[in-house]
Amino acid sequence: MRVLVTGSGGFIGKNLIVHLNEHEEFSTTSYLRGDSVDQLSILVNEADAVVHLAGENRPKDITAFVTVNTDLTKSLCRAIQETGRKIPLLLASSIHVDMNEPYGNSKRDAESAVKQMSEETGNPVYIYRLPNVFGKWCKPNYNSVVATFCHNIANNLPIQVNNKSTNLRLVYVDDVVTDFLKVIRSFSEGIFYPIIEPEYNISLGALDTQINAFKNCRKDLIVEQVGTGLVRALYSTYMSYVSPDQFTYDLIRHGDERGVFVEMLKTKDSGQFSYFTAHPGITRGGHYHHSKTEKFLVIKGIARFGFRHIVTNESYEILISGEKPQVVETVPGWTHDITNIGEEEMLVMLWANEIFDKELPDTKSAKV
């Protein structure tokens, strides 16, 4: 399927083109800012579907709202009609169509042109009234507060929050593109108004706090809950504005005659990750916990884990090699240690189910 994308050089367009080109079932052509209306007609003639993203939302001259948002859409509709084919059309409109202002009016008129074409020809039409779209490659300091906050905070630039209680309606660009792809694969005749889901809501103040928390993770090592939902999407967006010279950051290395210990990552509710080394013959540990548990993974070397129940004195020993991935867990009430019994430096990854608290360490010295 040949998909024509107008405005392919814009934020949503770039993401859509990349996704389309990942699938062999699609080929793409682009209509860019500055291309002529004649060129548009040529591209439409070659297309099996059109995604119309081209538009103006913050021009220097407000007449551009009509020129681009309305008139270009009318030209596109004429070009589709002239082919005599029922070429499906996806239109990126806006929730601002209900507002009586130049931008909203131009988008509403664009919708009218598209609907009229569909009513006259039967062309499938999908009109997306998008709220604020955010994600990678969105232009900062333009019309997206998420892009601006992410870019500026990531690059140590100031941001301005005039009213922390202002609420934002947001959809994530990957969700937008996913819905576009679903529609492109299965058009139906008629006029449709798809809704992107999920839609998120967040205040400016909460957005500011959240983006700054992403930045602070490199200092306090506490990662946000970035695996799902809005926080996941915001974190991905924030990271997309990190410049290459910031791709790395330093961790604190604690070292002594035994080896080194490095904390890598801490979570708010699921513990922390670290690693340590031990020279041949070195024993680490020699303590027990009342509540804390740990998981050890020997990456390199040979380790002997020793255990002793602090009440019954029952003892247990485990030999682990880095050649065979195995997790050794510590159990509350059992004192434990780990000894490097190999001839090379031992490297061990460690997860503890809670962040270490100097005031309440829950670590009691006791020999195995």
Protein backbone atom coordinates (compact mmCIF):
# COMPACT_ATOMS: atom_id res chain seq x y z
CA MET A 1 0.00 0.00 0.00
CA ARG A 2 1.34 3.41 -1.01
CA VAL A 3 0.72 5.90 1.78
CA LEU A 4 1.09 9.62 1.17
CA VAL A 5 1.89 11.60 4.29
CA THR A 6 1.53 15.37 4.15
CA GLY A 7 3.51 17.25 6.75
CA SER A 8 5.89 14.29 6.98
CA GLY A 9 8.69 16.59 8.16
CA GLY A 10 6.74 17.48 11.29
CA PHE A 11 6.70 15.80 14.67
CA ILE A 12 3.88 13.30 14.10
CA GLY A 13 4.88 12.85 10.47
CA LYS A 14 8.43 11.76 11.30
CA ASN A 15 7.17 9.18 13.77
CA LEU A 16 4.54 7.88 11.34
CA ILE A 17 6.97 7.57 8.42
CA VAL A 18 9.42 5.58 10.54
CA HIS A 19 6.69 3.19 11.68
CA LEU A 20 5.28 2.74 8.17
CA ASN A 21 8.72 1.99 6.76
CA GLU A 22 9.17 -0.77 9.34
CA HIS A 23 6.48 -2.81 7.54
CA GLU A 24 6.98 -4.32 4.09
CA GLU A 25 3.29 -3.94 3.34
CA PHE A 26 3.68 -0.15 3.09
CA SER A 27 5.63 2.25 0.93
CA THR A 28 5.60 5.97 1.69
CA THR A 29 5.71 9.25 -0.14
CA SER A 30 5.92 12.67 1.45
CA TYR A 31 4.47 16.10 0.85
CA LEU A 32 6.61 18.68 2.62
CA ARG A 33 6.36 22.34 3.49
CA GLY A 34 7.20 24.32 0.35
CA ASP A 35 6.01 21.67 -2.13
CA SER A 36 3.56 22.93 -4.76
CA VAL A 37 -0.11 22.08 -5.13
CA ASP A 38 0.74 20.53 -8.51
CA GLN A 39 3.17 18.22 -6.76
CA LEU A 40 0.40 17.32 -4.32
CA SER A 41 -1.83 16.19 -7.19
CA ILE A 42 0.93 14.01 -8.60
CA LEU A 43 1.52 12.35 -5.24
CA VAL A 44 -2.20 11.77 -4.65
CA ASN A 45 -2.48 10.04 -8.02
CA GLU A 46 0.15 7.56 -6.88
CA ALA A 47 -1.36 6.99 -3.41
CA ASP A 48 -3.57 4.25 -2.01
CA ALA A 49 -4.16 6.19 1.22
CA VAL A 50 -3.45 9.70 2.48
CA VAL A 51 -2.58 10.84 6.00
CA HIS A 52 -2.99 14.61 6.13
CA LEU A 53 -0.83 16.03 8.90
CA ALA A 54 0.32 19.27 7.28
CA GLY A 55 -0.86 22.30 9.18
CA GLU A 56 -0.05 25.56 10.92
CA ASN A 57 -0.61 26.14 14.61
CA ARG A 58 1.67 29.05 15.40
CA PRO A 59 2.40 31.07 12.24
CA LYS A 60 3.92 34.55 12.17
CA ASP A 61 0.98 35.69 10.03
CA ILE A 62 -2.46 34.41 11.07
CA THR A 63 -3.56 34.27 7.42
CA ALA A 64 -1.43 31.12 7.23
CA PHE A 65 -4.11 29.35 9.25
CA VAL A 66 -6.46 29.59 6.29
CA THR A 67 -3.77 29.11 3.63
CA VAL A 68 -2.38 25.91 5.12
CA ASN A 69 -5.03 24.41 7.37
CA THR A 70 -8.06 25.13 5.20
CA ASP A 71 -6.99 25.84 1.61
CA LEU A 72 -4.39 23.07 1.44
CA THR A 73 -6.97 20.61 2.73
CA LYS A 74 -9.43 21.73 0.05
CA SER A 75 -6.73 21.26 -2.60
CA LEU A 76 -6.04 17.79 -1.26
CA CYS A 77 -9.73 16.89 -1.41
CA ARG A 78 -9.96 18.09 -5.02
CA ALA A 79 -6.90 16.05 -5.94
CA ILE A 80 -8.44 12.93 -4.39
CA GLN A 81 -11.76 13.52 -6.18
CA GLU A 82 -10.01 13.99 -9.52
CA THR A 83 -8.49 10.51 -9.31
CA GLY A 84 -11.96 8.97 -9.42
CA ARG A 85 -10.79 6.49 -6.77
CA LYS A 86 -12.00 6.08 -3.21
CA ILE A 87 -8.69 6.93 -1.60
CA PRO A 88 -9.00 6.79 2.20
CA LEU A 89 -8.05 9.98 4.04
CA LEU A 90 -6.93 10.46 7.63
CA LEU A 91 -7.10 14.07 8.78
CA ALA A 92 -5.24 15.35 11.83
CA SER A 93 -7.63 17.93 13.24
CA SER A 94 -7.73 19.43 16.72
CA ILE A 95 -9.86 19.70 19.83
CA HIS A 96 -9.72 23.45 19.14
CA VAL A 97 -12.40 23.12 16.42
CA ASP A 98 -14.94 24.08 19.08
CA MET A 99 -13.20 27.39 19.74
CA ASN A 100 -14.05 30.58 17.88
CA GLU A 101 -10.52 31.69 17.08
CA PRO A 102 -8.39 31.64 13.89
CA TYR A 103 -6.73 28.28 14.46
CA GLY A 104 -9.89 26.50 15.52
CA ASN A 105 -11.88 28.05 12.69
CA SER A 106 -9.33 26.93 10.09
CA LYS A 107 -9.37 23.38 11.41
CA ARG A 108 -13.17 23.32 11.49
CA ASP A 109 -13.28 24.49 7.86
CA ALA A 110 -10.77 21.79 6.94
CA GLU A 111 -13.03 19.20 8.51
CA SER A 112 -15.97 20.56 6.52
CA ALA A 113 -14.06 20.19 3.25
CA VAL A 114 -13.15 16.61 4.07
CA LYS A 115 -16.69 15.69 5.08
CA GLN A 116 -18.12 17.25 1.93
CA MET A 117 -15.75 15.22 -0.22
CA SER A 118 -16.72 12.01 1.55
CA GLU A 119 -20.44 12.74 1.19
CA GLU A 120 -20.03 13.41 -2.53
CA THR A 121 -17.71 10.53 -3.42
CA GLY A 122 -17.98 7.91 -0.68
CA ASN A 123 -14.29 8.20 0.18
CA PRO A 124 -13.47 6.79 3.62
CA VAL A 125 -12.60 9.68 5.96
CA TYR A 126 -11.17 9.53 9.48
CA ILE A 127 -11.04 12.81 11.38
CA TYR A 128 -8.85 12.83 14.47
CA ARG A 129 -9.53 15.71 16.85
CA LEU A 130 -6.23 15.49 18.64
CA PRO A 131 -5.44 17.05 22.01
CA ASN A 132 -1.80 17.88 22.81
CA VAL A 133 0.42 15.20 21.30
CA PHE A 134 3.82 14.55 22.88
CA GLY A 135 6.75 12.24 22.28
CA LYS A 136 10.17 12.08 20.68
CA TRP A 137 11.14 14.61 17.99
CA CYS A 138 8.56 17.21 19.01
CA LYS A 139 9.92 20.74 18.60
CA PRO A 140 10.60 22.37 21.99
CA ASN A 141 9.84 25.99 22.83
CA TYR A 142 7.17 26.02 20.15
CA ASN A 143 3.69 24.70 20.89
CA SER A 144 4.26 21.70 23.17
CA VAL A 145 4.81 22.32 26.85
CA VAL A 146 5.88 18.69 27.33
CA ALA A 147 8.57 19.03 24.67
CA THR A 148 9.70 22.34 26.16
CA PHE A 149 9.91 21.01 29.72
CA CYS A 150 11.69 17.82 28.65
CA HIS A 151 14.19 19.57 26.40
CA ASN A 152 14.98 22.44 28.75
CA ILE A 153 15.24 20.38 31.93
CA ALA A 154 17.38 17.74 30.19
CA ASN A 155 19.71 20.45 28.93
CA ASN A 156 19.85 22.61 32.08
CA LEU A 157 17.77 25.41 30.56
CA PRO A 158 15.10 27.36 32.50
CA ILE A 159 11.37 26.70 32.25
CA GLN A 160 8.49 28.95 33.20
CA VAL A 161 5.35 27.75 34.98
CA ASN A 162 2.75 30.51 35.14
CA ASN A 163 -0.09 28.51 36.67
CA LYS A 164 0.75 25.14 38.24
CA SER A 165 -2.91 24.11 38.34
CA THR A 166 -3.42 24.41 34.56
CA ASN A 167 -4.58 21.02 33.29
CA LEU A 168 -3.20 19.41 30.13
CA ARG A 169 -4.95 16.86 27.92
CA LEU A 170 -2.30 14.65 26.36
CA VAL A 171 -1.92 11.73 23.99
CA TYR A 172 1.35 9.96 23.29
CA VAL A 173 2.67 9.93 19.73
CA ASP A 174 3.21 6.15 19.71
CA ASP A 175 -0.46 5.66 20.59
CA VAL A 176 -1.46 8.07 17.81
CA VAL A 177 0.67 6.24 15.25
CA THR A 178 -0.58 2.84 16.41
CA ASP A 179 -4.17 3.93 15.82
CA PHE A 180 -3.27 5.40 12.42
CA LEU A 181 -1.72 2.09 11.36
CA LYS A 182 -4.78 0.15 12.54
CA VAL A 183 -7.07 2.38 10.49
CA ILE A 184 -4.84 2.33 7.39
CA ARG A 185 -4.95 -1.47 7.40
CA SER A 186 -8.76 -1.65 7.56
CA PHE A 187 -10.61 1.31 6.06
CA SER A 188 -14.41 1.39 6.00
CA GLU A 189 -16.56 3.66 3.86
CA GLY A 190 -18.00 6.60 5.76
CA ILE A 191 -16.97 9.45 8.06
CA PHE A 192 -15.41 8.51 11.38
CA TYR A 193 -14.09 10.39 14.40
CA PRO A 194 -11.62 8.02 16.10
CA ILE A 195 -10.47 8.78 19.63
CA ILE A 196 -6.91 8.11 20.68
CA GLU A 197 -6.66 6.07 23.84
CA PRO A 198 -5.38 6.37 26.43
CA GLU A 199 -5.72 10.10 26.94
CA TYR A 200 -3.81 11.48 29.90
CA ASN A 201 -4.43 14.46 32.17
CA ILE A 202 -1.76 16.20 34.22
CA SER A 203 -1.30 19.65 35.71
CA LEU A 204 1.60 21.89 34.75
CA GLY A 205 2.91 21.70 38.30
CA ALA A 206 2.82 17.89 38.33
CA LEU A 207 4.48 17.80 34.91
CA ASP A 208 7.28 20.05 36.15
CA THR A 209 7.81 17.85 39.22
CA GLN A 210 7.78 14.64 37.20
CA ILE A 211 10.28 15.76 34.55
CA ASN A 212 12.65 17.08 37.22
CA ALA A 213 12.42 13.72 38.99
CA PHE A 214 13.70 12.04 35.83
CA LYS A 215 16.68 14.35 35.84
CA ASN A 216 17.35 13.85 39.55
CA CYS A 217 17.54 10.08 39.07
CA ARG A 218 21.14 10.44 37.99
CA LYS A 219 22.01 11.95 41.37
CA ASP A 220 19.84 10.13 43.90
CA LEU A 221 19.62 6.96 41.73
CA ILE A 222 15.89 6.69 42.50
CA VAL A 223 14.09 5.77 39.29
CA GLU A 224 10.45 6.71 38.77
CA GLN A 225 7.78 4.11 37.96
CA VAL A 226 8.56 4.28 34.26
CA GLY A 227 7.18 0.94 33.13
CA THR A 228 3.59 1.86 32.28
CA GLY A 229 1.18 4.66 31.47
CA LEU A 230 1.85 8.37 31.42
CA VAL A 231 5.11 8.19 33.39
CA ARG A 232 6.51 5.67 30.89
CA ALA A 233 5.60 7.92 27.96
CA LEU A 234 6.93 11.06 29.64
CA TYR A 235 10.19 9.31 30.55
CA SER A 236 10.69 8.15 26.98
CA THR A 237 10.01 11.68 25.77
CA TYR A 238 12.40 13.19 28.32
CA MET A 239 15.16 10.78 27.37
CA SER A 240 14.77 11.65 23.69
CA TYR A 241 16.02 15.17 24.48
CA VAL A 242 19.17 13.99 26.23
CA SER A 243 22.14 15.01 24.06
CA PRO A 244 24.83 12.47 23.12
CA ASP A 245 27.35 14.07 25.46
CA GLN A 246 24.93 13.18 28.29
CA PHE A 247 24.45 9.53 27.35
CA THR A 248 26.69 8.54 30.27
CA TYR A 249 26.84 9.56 33.92
CA ASP A 250 29.11 8.61 36.79
CA LEU A 251 28.33 6.44 39.79
CA ILE A 252 30.06 6.46 43.18
CA ARG A 253 32.65 3.69 43.48
CA HIS A 254 33.34 2.44 47.00
CA GLY A 255 36.57 0.47 47.17
CA ASP A 256 38.83 -1.12 49.79
CA GLU A 257 41.22 -4.06 50.07
CA ARG A 258 38.34 -6.51 49.52
CA GLY A 259 37.16 -5.07 46.18
CA VAL A 260 34.59 -2.49 45.07
CA PHE A 261 30.89 -1.83 45.67
CA VAL A 262 28.72 0.30 43.34
CA GLU A 263 25.04 1.20 43.67
CA MET A 264 23.39 1.51 40.26
CA LEU A 265 19.66 2.03 40.65
CA LYS A 266 17.06 2.50 43.37
CA THR A 267 13.28 2.20 43.15
CA LYS A 268 10.65 3.83 45.30
CA ASP A 269 8.96 0.58 46.30
CA SER A 270 10.93 -2.36 44.91
CA GLY A 271 14.42 -2.06 46.32
CA GLN A 272 17.72 -1.30 44.67
CA PHE A 273 20.37 -2.77 42.37
CA SER A 274 24.13 -2.79 42.84
CA TYR A 275 27.21 -4.85 42.15
CA PHE A 276 30.40 -5.72 44.00
CA THR A 277 33.70 -7.47 43.42
CA ALA A 278 35.89 -9.56 45.68
CA HIS A 279 39.50 -10.60 45.28
CA PRO A 280 40.46 -14.29 45.61
CA GLY A 281 40.07 -15.53 49.18
CA ILE A 282 38.01 -12.50 50.28
CA THR A 283 34.80 -12.98 52.27
CA ARG A 284 32.04 -10.37 52.21
CA GLY A 285 28.92 -10.17 54.34
CA GLY A 286 28.77 -11.82 57.71
CA HIS A 287 25.43 -10.41 58.82
CA TYR A 288 21.71 -11.15 58.95
CA HIS A 289 18.49 -9.19 58.37
CA HIS A 290 15.19 -9.22 60.23
CA SER A 291 13.12 -8.25 57.20
CA LYS A 292 15.36 -7.42 54.27
CA THR A 293 15.92 -9.99 51.54
CA GLU A 294 18.46 -10.03 48.72
CA LYS A 295 19.16 -11.77 45.44
CA PHE A 296 22.76 -12.45 44.37
CA LEU A 297 23.87 -13.32 40.84
CA VAL A 298 27.50 -14.29 40.34
CA ILE A 299 28.53 -12.87 36.98
CA LYS A 300 32.19 -13.95 37.07
CA GLY A 301 34.18 -16.21 39.36
CA ILE A 302 33.40 -18.97 41.85
CA ALA A 303 31.59 -18.19 45.11
CA ARG A 304 30.82 -20.07 48.30
CA PHE A 305 27.73 -18.84 50.09
CA GLY A 306 27.54 -19.69 53.77
CA PHE A 307 24.36 -19.59 55.87
CA ARG A 308 23.57 -20.10 59.56
CA HIS A 309 20.20 -19.81 61.27
CA ILE A 310 20.66 -17.33 64.13
CA VAL A 311 18.39 -19.29 66.50
CA THR A 312 18.87 -22.98 65.65
CA ASN A 313 22.47 -22.67 64.35
CA GLU A 314 21.51 -24.83 61.39
CA SER A 315 24.09 -24.20 58.65
CA TYR A 316 24.06 -24.50 54.88
CA GLU A 317 26.58 -23.96 52.07
CA ILE A 318 26.14 -23.28 48.35
CA LEU A 319 28.80 -23.21 45.63
CA ILE A 320 28.05 -20.99 42.64
CA SER A 321 29.98 -20.38 39.41
CA GLY A 322 29.56 -17.50 37.01
CA GLU A 323 29.48 -20.10 34.24
CA LYS A 324 25.97 -21.14 35.34
CA PRO A 325 23.44 -18.34 35.97
CA GLN A 326 21.82 -18.98 39.34
CA VAL A 327 20.23 -16.63 41.84
CA VAL A 328 21.03 -17.09 45.52
CA GLU A 329 18.51 -15.53 47.91
CA THR A 330 19.12 -14.50 51.48
CA VAL A 331 16.39 -15.26 53.99
CA PRO A 332 15.51 -13.19 57.09
CA GLY A 333 16.93 -14.74 60.24
CA TRP A 334 19.85 -16.46 58.49
CA THR A 335 23.28 -14.85 58.76
CA HIS A 336 25.16 -15.15 55.50
CA ASP A 337 28.43 -14.43 53.75
CA ILE A 338 30.03 -14.95 50.35
CA THR A 339 33.62 -15.99 49.73
CA ASN A 340 35.59 -15.87 46.50
CA ILE A 341 37.06 -19.39 46.29
CA GLY A 342 38.31 -18.97 42.73
CA GLU A 343 41.59 -17.68 41.36
CA GLU A 344 40.23 -14.57 39.66
CA GLU A 345 38.29 -11.51 40.77
CA MET A 346 34.67 -12.30 41.51
CA LEU A 347 31.88 -10.07 40.16
CA VAL A 348 28.42 -10.25 41.71
CA MET A 349 25.17 -8.46 40.94
CA LEU A 350 22.93 -7.73 43.92
CA TRP A 351 19.28 -6.78 44.37
CA ALA A 352 17.85 -5.85 47.77
CA ASN A 353 14.12 -5.51 48.26
CA GLU A 354 14.45 -2.14 49.99
CA ILE A 355 16.63 0.94 49.69
CA PHE A 356 19.42 0.99 52.24
CA ASP A 357 18.57 3.30 55.12
CA LYS A 358 21.54 4.41 57.25
CA GLU A 359 19.22 5.16 60.17
CA LEU A 360 17.48 1.76 59.98
CA PRO A 361 19.88 -0.49 58.08
CA ASP A 362 18.37 -3.83 59.22
CA THR A 363 21.87 -5.33 58.98
CA LYS A 364 23.23 -7.09 62.07
CA SER A 365 26.79 -8.41 62.16
CA ALA A 366 27.08 -12.12 62.91
CA LYS A 367 29.54 -14.78 61.78
CA VAL A 368 28.37 -17.72 59.78
